[in-house]
Protein backbone atom coordinates (compact mmCIF):
# COMPACT_ATOMS: atom_id res chain seq x y z
CA MET A 1 50.04 -32.16 50.96
CA LYS A 2 47.52 -34.80 49.96
CA ASN A 3 44.62 -32.69 51.31
CA LEU A 4 45.86 -29.67 49.38
CA PHE A 5 45.92 -31.69 46.16
CA SER A 6 42.39 -33.00 46.68
CA LYS A 7 41.10 -29.47 47.41
CA LYS A 8 42.67 -28.22 44.17
CA THR A 9 41.10 -31.13 42.30
CA LEU A 10 37.66 -30.38 43.69
CA LEU A 11 38.04 -26.69 42.82
CA ILE A 12 38.97 -27.52 39.21
CA VAL A 13 36.04 -29.92 38.89
CA ALA A 14 33.66 -27.26 40.26
CA ILE A 15 34.95 -24.64 37.80
CA LEU A 16 34.61 -27.06 34.87
CA ALA A 17 31.05 -27.87 35.92
CA ILE A 18 30.13 -24.18 36.04
CA VAL A 19 31.71 -23.55 32.63
CA ALA A 20 29.80 -26.52 31.18
CA CYS A 21 26.50 -25.16 32.51
CA VAL A 22 26.93 -21.65 31.12
CA PRO A 23 26.09 -22.52 27.46
CA PHE A 24 23.09 -24.49 28.65
CA LEU A 25 21.81 -21.56 30.66
CA PHE A 26 22.22 -19.16 27.73
CA SER A 27 20.71 -21.59 25.22
CA SER A 28 17.70 -22.28 27.43
CA GLY A 29 17.14 -18.52 27.66
CA LYS A 30 17.32 -18.21 23.89
CA ASN A 31 14.94 -21.17 23.41
CA LYS A 32 12.46 -19.54 25.77
CA LYS A 33 12.59 -16.30 23.80
CA SER A 34 12.23 -18.10 20.47
CA SER A 35 9.13 -19.91 21.76
CA LEU A 36 7.34 -16.61 22.40
CA GLY A 37 5.26 -14.68 19.89
CA ILE A 38 4.28 -11.03 19.99
CA VAL A 39 0.84 -9.67 19.14
CA GLU A 40 1.53 -6.89 16.63
CA LYS A 41 -0.12 -4.65 14.06
CA GLY A 42 0.22 -5.71 10.43
CA ASP A 43 -1.55 -6.49 7.15
CA ILE A 44 -3.43 -9.67 6.29
CA ILE A 45 -2.90 -10.36 2.59
CA GLN A 46 -4.42 -13.33 0.76
CA ARG A 47 -2.81 -14.33 -2.54
CA VAL A 48 -3.34 -16.69 -5.45
CA SER A 49 -0.07 -17.87 -7.03
CA LEU A 50 -0.01 -18.75 -10.73
CA SER A 51 2.44 -18.91 -13.62
CA GLY A 52 2.12 -17.43 -17.10
CA ILE A 53 3.82 -16.03 -20.19
CA VAL A 54 4.57 -12.37 -20.96
CA GLN A 55 3.15 -11.20 -24.30
CA PRO A 56 3.05 -7.88 -26.22
CA VAL A 57 -0.21 -6.08 -26.89
CA ARG A 58 0.14 -6.98 -30.60
CA LYS A 59 2.50 -9.07 -32.67
CA ALA A 60 2.70 -9.44 -36.44
CA VAL A 61 4.29 -12.37 -38.28
CA ILE A 62 5.40 -11.56 -41.81
CA VAL A 63 4.86 -14.31 -44.40
CA ALA A 64 5.23 -14.49 -48.17
CA SER A 65 2.03 -14.21 -50.19
CA TYR A 66 3.44 -16.79 -52.63
CA ALA A 67 6.23 -19.37 -52.56
CA GLY A 68 9.58 -17.90 -53.50
CA TYR A 69 12.91 -16.60 -52.26
CA VAL A 70 13.88 -13.84 -49.86
CA LYS A 71 15.52 -11.19 -52.06
CA LYS A 72 16.21 -8.43 -49.54
CA ILE A 73 15.69 -7.85 -45.81
CA PHE A 74 15.45 -4.15 -44.95
CA VAL A 75 15.67 -4.46 -41.14
CA LYS A 76 17.62 -6.21 -38.40
CA ILE A 77 16.64 -7.55 -35.00
CA GLY A 78 16.07 -4.71 -32.56
CA ASP A 79 15.06 -2.12 -35.17
CA ASN A 80 12.07 0.05 -34.35
CA VAL A 81 9.64 0.30 -37.26
CA LYS A 82 6.47 2.20 -38.01
CA ALA A 83 3.33 0.80 -39.60
CA GLY A 84 3.95 0.86 -43.38
CA ASP A 85 7.76 0.59 -43.23
CA PRO A 86 9.31 -1.94 -45.68
CA LEU A 87 10.54 -5.13 -44.03
CA VAL A 88 11.39 -7.76 -46.65
CA SER A 89 10.95 -8.51 -50.36
CA VAL A 90 10.23 -11.93 -51.90
CA VAL A 91 10.63 -13.02 -55.53
CA GLN A 92 9.63 -16.24 -57.28
CA SER A 93 13.11 -16.66 -58.77
CA LEU A 94 16.44 -15.15 -57.76
CA SER A 95 17.66 -15.30 -61.36
CA SER A 96 14.80 -13.27 -62.78
CA PHE A 97 14.68 -9.49 -63.10
CA GLU A 98 11.13 -9.18 -61.82
CA GLN A 99 10.39 -6.16 -59.68
CA ALA A 100 10.07 -7.08 -56.00
CA TYR A 101 7.55 -5.17 -53.95
CA PRO A 102 8.42 -5.11 -50.24
CA LEU A 103 6.21 -6.56 -47.54
CA ARG A 104 5.47 -3.76 -45.07
CA SER A 105 4.94 -3.73 -41.32
CA PRO A 106 1.27 -3.80 -40.32
CA VAL A 107 2.08 -2.39 -36.84
CA THR A 108 4.39 0.07 -35.15
CA GLY A 109 6.81 -1.86 -32.99
CA ARG A 110 10.18 -3.60 -32.83
CA VAL A 111 11.66 -6.39 -34.94
CA VAL A 112 12.11 -9.26 -32.46
CA GLN A 113 12.79 -12.24 -34.75
CA ILE A 114 14.22 -12.86 -38.22
CA ARG A 115 13.92 -16.52 -39.18
CA HIS A 116 15.08 -16.47 -42.80
CA GLN A 117 18.05 -14.93 -44.54
CA GLU A 118 18.39 -13.40 -48.02
CA GLY A 119 18.37 -16.11 -50.70
CA GLU A 120 16.41 -18.67 -48.68
CA PHE A 121 13.26 -20.36 -49.97
CA VAL A 122 9.99 -19.56 -48.16
CA LYS A 123 6.55 -21.12 -48.42
CA ALA A 124 3.37 -19.23 -49.15
CA SER A 125 1.37 -17.99 -46.13
CA ASP A 126 3.25 -20.24 -43.70
CA VAL A 127 2.52 -18.77 -40.26
CA THR A 128 4.55 -21.48 -38.49
CA ASP A 129 7.71 -20.78 -40.51
CA TYR A 130 7.33 -17.01 -41.01
CA ILE A 131 10.07 -14.71 -42.29
CA LEU A 132 10.18 -12.28 -39.36
CA ARG A 133 8.14 -10.94 -36.48
CA VAL A 134 7.32 -7.43 -35.24
CA ASP A 135 5.99 -6.87 -31.71
CA ASP A 136 4.14 -3.79 -30.48
CA LEU A 137 5.80 -3.39 -27.08
CA SER A 138 3.89 -0.27 -26.05
CA GLU A 139 1.93 -2.46 -23.62
CA MET A 140 2.78 -5.84 -22.09
CA TYR A 141 0.37 -8.48 -20.83
CA VAL A 142 0.43 -11.85 -19.07
CA TYR A 143 -2.01 -14.58 -20.00
CA VAL A 144 -2.69 -17.27 -17.39
CA ASN A 145 -5.18 -20.00 -16.58
CA ALA A 146 -6.69 -20.06 -13.10
CA ALA A 147 -8.39 -23.06 -11.46
CA GLU A 148 -12.08 -22.55 -10.74
CA ILE A 149 -11.45 -22.50 -6.97
CA ASP A 150 -9.15 -19.48 -7.49
CA ARG A 151 -11.24 -17.83 -10.22
CA VAL A 152 -14.08 -17.08 -7.78
CA LYS A 153 -11.69 -15.01 -5.63
CA MET A 154 -10.70 -12.71 -8.48
CA THR A 155 -12.10 -9.42 -9.74
CA VAL A 156 -11.03 -6.96 -12.42
CA LYS A 157 -8.46 -4.36 -11.21
CA GLN A 158 -7.03 -6.61 -8.52
CA GLU A 159 -3.31 -6.00 -8.02
CA ALA A 160 -0.63 -8.58 -8.77
CA LEU A 161 3.13 -8.97 -8.51
CA LEU A 162 5.13 -10.54 -11.35
CA LYS A 163 8.45 -12.31 -10.75
CA PRO A 164 9.99 -13.36 -14.10
CA MET A 165 12.05 -16.52 -13.72
CA ALA A 166 14.90 -15.12 -15.82
CA LEU A 167 15.03 -11.86 -13.83
CA SER A 168 15.41 -13.13 -10.27
CA GLU A 169 16.23 -9.71 -8.81
CA LYS A 170 13.36 -7.85 -10.46
CA SER A 171 9.60 -7.73 -9.99
CA TYR A 172 6.81 -5.89 -11.79
CA LYS A 173 3.39 -4.60 -10.85
CA ALA A 174 0.36 -5.85 -12.75
CA GLN A 175 -3.42 -5.64 -12.69
CA ILE A 176 -6.20 -7.96 -13.80
CA VAL A 177 -7.89 -6.46 -16.87
CA ASP A 178 -9.92 -9.39 -18.18
CA LEU A 179 -11.63 -12.37 -16.55
CA ALA A 180 -13.26 -15.03 -18.69
CA LEU A 181 -16.84 -15.92 -17.79
CA ALA A 182 -16.47 -19.46 -19.15
CA SER A 183 -13.79 -22.10 -18.63
CA ASN A 184 -11.46 -23.44 -21.31
CA ASP A 185 -12.98 -26.14 -23.48
CA LYS A 186 -11.96 -29.71 -22.73
CA ASP A 187 -12.94 -33.22 -23.74
CA ARG A 188 -16.39 -33.92 -22.29
CA TRP A 189 -15.23 -37.40 -21.24
CA ASP A 190 -12.07 -36.16 -19.52
CA ARG A 191 -12.93 -36.00 -15.83
CA SER A 192 -9.32 -35.91 -14.61
CA SER A 193 -8.27 -32.48 -15.88
CA VAL A 194 -8.73 -29.33 -13.81
CA VAL A 195 -11.35 -26.79 -14.87
CA GLU A 196 -9.50 -23.56 -15.71
CA PHE A 197 -10.49 -20.01 -16.67
CA PRO A 198 -8.37 -17.67 -18.85
CA ILE A 199 -7.14 -14.55 -17.04
CA THR A 200 -5.41 -11.49 -18.55
CA LEU A 201 -3.15 -9.15 -16.57
CA LYS A 202 -1.60 -5.88 -17.75
CA VAL A 203 1.98 -5.11 -16.71
CA LEU A 204 1.94 -1.61 -15.19
CA ASN A 205 5.68 -0.87 -15.18
CA PRO A 206 7.35 -2.79 -18.04
CA ASP A 207 10.95 -2.03 -19.01
CA ALA A 208 13.51 -3.11 -21.60
CA ASP A 209 14.49 -6.20 -19.54
CA LEU A 210 11.01 -7.70 -19.76
CA LYS A 211 10.89 -9.65 -23.02
CA SER A 212 8.06 -11.24 -25.01
CA GLY A 213 7.68 -14.92 -24.17
CA MET A 214 9.30 -14.80 -20.73
CA SER A 215 7.77 -17.13 -18.16
CA THR A 216 6.80 -15.52 -14.89
CA LEU A 217 5.36 -16.30 -11.48
CA ILE A 218 2.31 -14.24 -10.53
CA ASP A 219 1.00 -13.43 -7.06
CA ILE A 220 -2.53 -12.00 -7.33
CA ILE A 221 -3.68 -10.16 -4.21
CA THR A 222 -7.27 -11.34 -3.73
CA PHE A 223 -7.83 -9.82 -0.27
CA LYS A 224 -6.05 -7.23 1.88
CA LYS A 225 -6.83 -5.95 5.37
CA GLU A 226 -4.40 -3.36 6.67
CA ASN A 227 -3.15 -2.33 10.11
CA VAL A 228 -4.91 -4.98 12.21
CA LEU A 229 -3.76 -6.99 15.25
CA THR A 230 -2.11 -10.20 14.06
CA LEU A 231 -0.53 -13.34 15.48
CA ARG A 232 1.13 -16.23 13.68
CA HIS A 233 -0.78 -19.54 13.49
CA GLU A 234 1.71 -21.46 15.64
CA PHE A 235 0.86 -19.39 18.71
CA ILE A 236 -2.91 -20.00 18.68
CA TYR A 237 -4.54 -23.05 20.25
CA VAL A 238 -7.77 -24.30 18.65
CA GLN A 239 -9.77 -26.88 20.60
CA GLY A 240 -13.45 -27.68 20.51
CA GLY A 241 -14.25 -24.71 18.31
CA GLU A 242 -12.54 -22.36 20.77
CA SER A 243 -9.40 -20.32 20.09
CA TYR A 244 -7.07 -19.30 22.90
CA VAL A 245 -3.49 -18.37 23.69
CA LEU A 246 -1.17 -18.91 26.65
CA LEU A 247 0.47 -15.72 27.82
CA GLU A 248 4.14 -15.58 28.78
CA ASN A 249 3.19 -16.16 32.44
CA GLY A 250 1.05 -19.21 31.54
CA GLU A 251 -2.33 -17.48 31.78
CA LYS A 252 -4.94 -18.84 29.36
CA ARG A 253 -6.71 -16.13 27.34
CA ILE A 254 -9.67 -16.74 25.00
CA VAL A 255 -9.28 -14.86 21.70
CA LYS A 256 -11.66 -14.00 18.89
CA THR A 257 -10.11 -14.34 15.44
CA GLY A 258 -10.96 -12.81 12.06
CA VAL A 259 -9.51 -13.32 8.59
CA SER A 260 -6.27 -15.21 8.02
CA ASN A 261 -3.73 -16.22 5.40
CA GLU A 262 -1.08 -18.93 5.26
CA GLU A 263 1.12 -17.11 7.82
CA LYS A 264 -0.98 -15.26 10.38
CA VAL A 265 -4.42 -14.63 11.85
CA GLU A 266 -6.30 -11.42 12.62
CA ILE A 267 -6.98 -11.01 16.36
CA LEU A 268 -10.26 -9.22 17.08
CA GLU A 269 -10.49 -9.64 20.87
CA GLY A 270 -8.64 -11.17 23.83
CA VAL A 271 -5.10 -9.76 23.69
CA LYS A 272 -3.49 -6.36 23.17
CA GLU A 273 -0.68 -5.17 20.93
CA GLY A 274 2.72 -6.03 22.37
CA GLU A 275 1.59 -8.92 24.59
CA LYS A 276 3.77 -12.03 24.42
CA VAL A 277 2.30 -15.52 24.09
CA GLN A 278 3.69 -19.04 24.14
CA LYS A 279 4.08 -21.23 21.07
CA VAL A 280 1.60 -24.10 20.83
CA ASP A 281 2.98 -27.26 22.46
CA PHE A 282 1.74 -29.83 19.95
CA ALA A 283 3.47 -32.73 21.75
CA SER A 284 1.54 -32.17 24.98
CA MET A 285 -1.70 -31.73 23.01
CA LEU A 286 -1.20 -35.16 21.41
CA GLU A 287 -0.50 -36.74 24.80
CA ASN A 288 -3.67 -35.26 26.30
CA SER A 289 -5.90 -36.13 23.33
């Protein structure tokens, strides 16, 4: 009876040991797969990331030609107006019977702001406290400043992708249309500030959701090489000016590399599409250095 009990105990212990080893066996298999990279065809795209403000092609602020009071506003926010349409009238005194000639829109566009109401006092020619604003939204642009190290990578007609911060689920296509040939002015004694060049991009597919003054992130595509063999950086060893990979079976293979970006490298020679390589073992490299 005692022998039977001990045999049962040993059998249970053996089963528990096998069960405990199963997750380890599966996880080690998964870890092995995750440490392998595949040589595959893809695009190498180099980008410059900036931030800027969306602006209309033209905007007109309407101000009084003399100090007085707003007598009548002929429009409301959101109205579409044509050049020459009446917008607002201003008189020197609300109690007088003087004839008020309306201020007219200098551009065709949309009324986007009204800062004063009927009866309010307005100053003469005050462009900081204007009465209302009309934007020509037929074209939209983004104005940015690029550091000199990025400016040299840019050319007119380069493509860009806009991601407005307020429209997280939307993106817009853009194109560089103007590159300044001189940097922004700065204090001659200020050596700490970055040298920057003004850049203008045109939005190619604006819609009603894209508003004047929105801040946006911009990815400018400065270089693109399509349908080439690629491999991520973490699978390529670089030692003594030589680049190589370790194949799945441990074989060392010298590779010749081309252009790269922050994610992957172009492979010119040494491996073929579909071959699997091991991830770089940085710990062992440090031990052997």
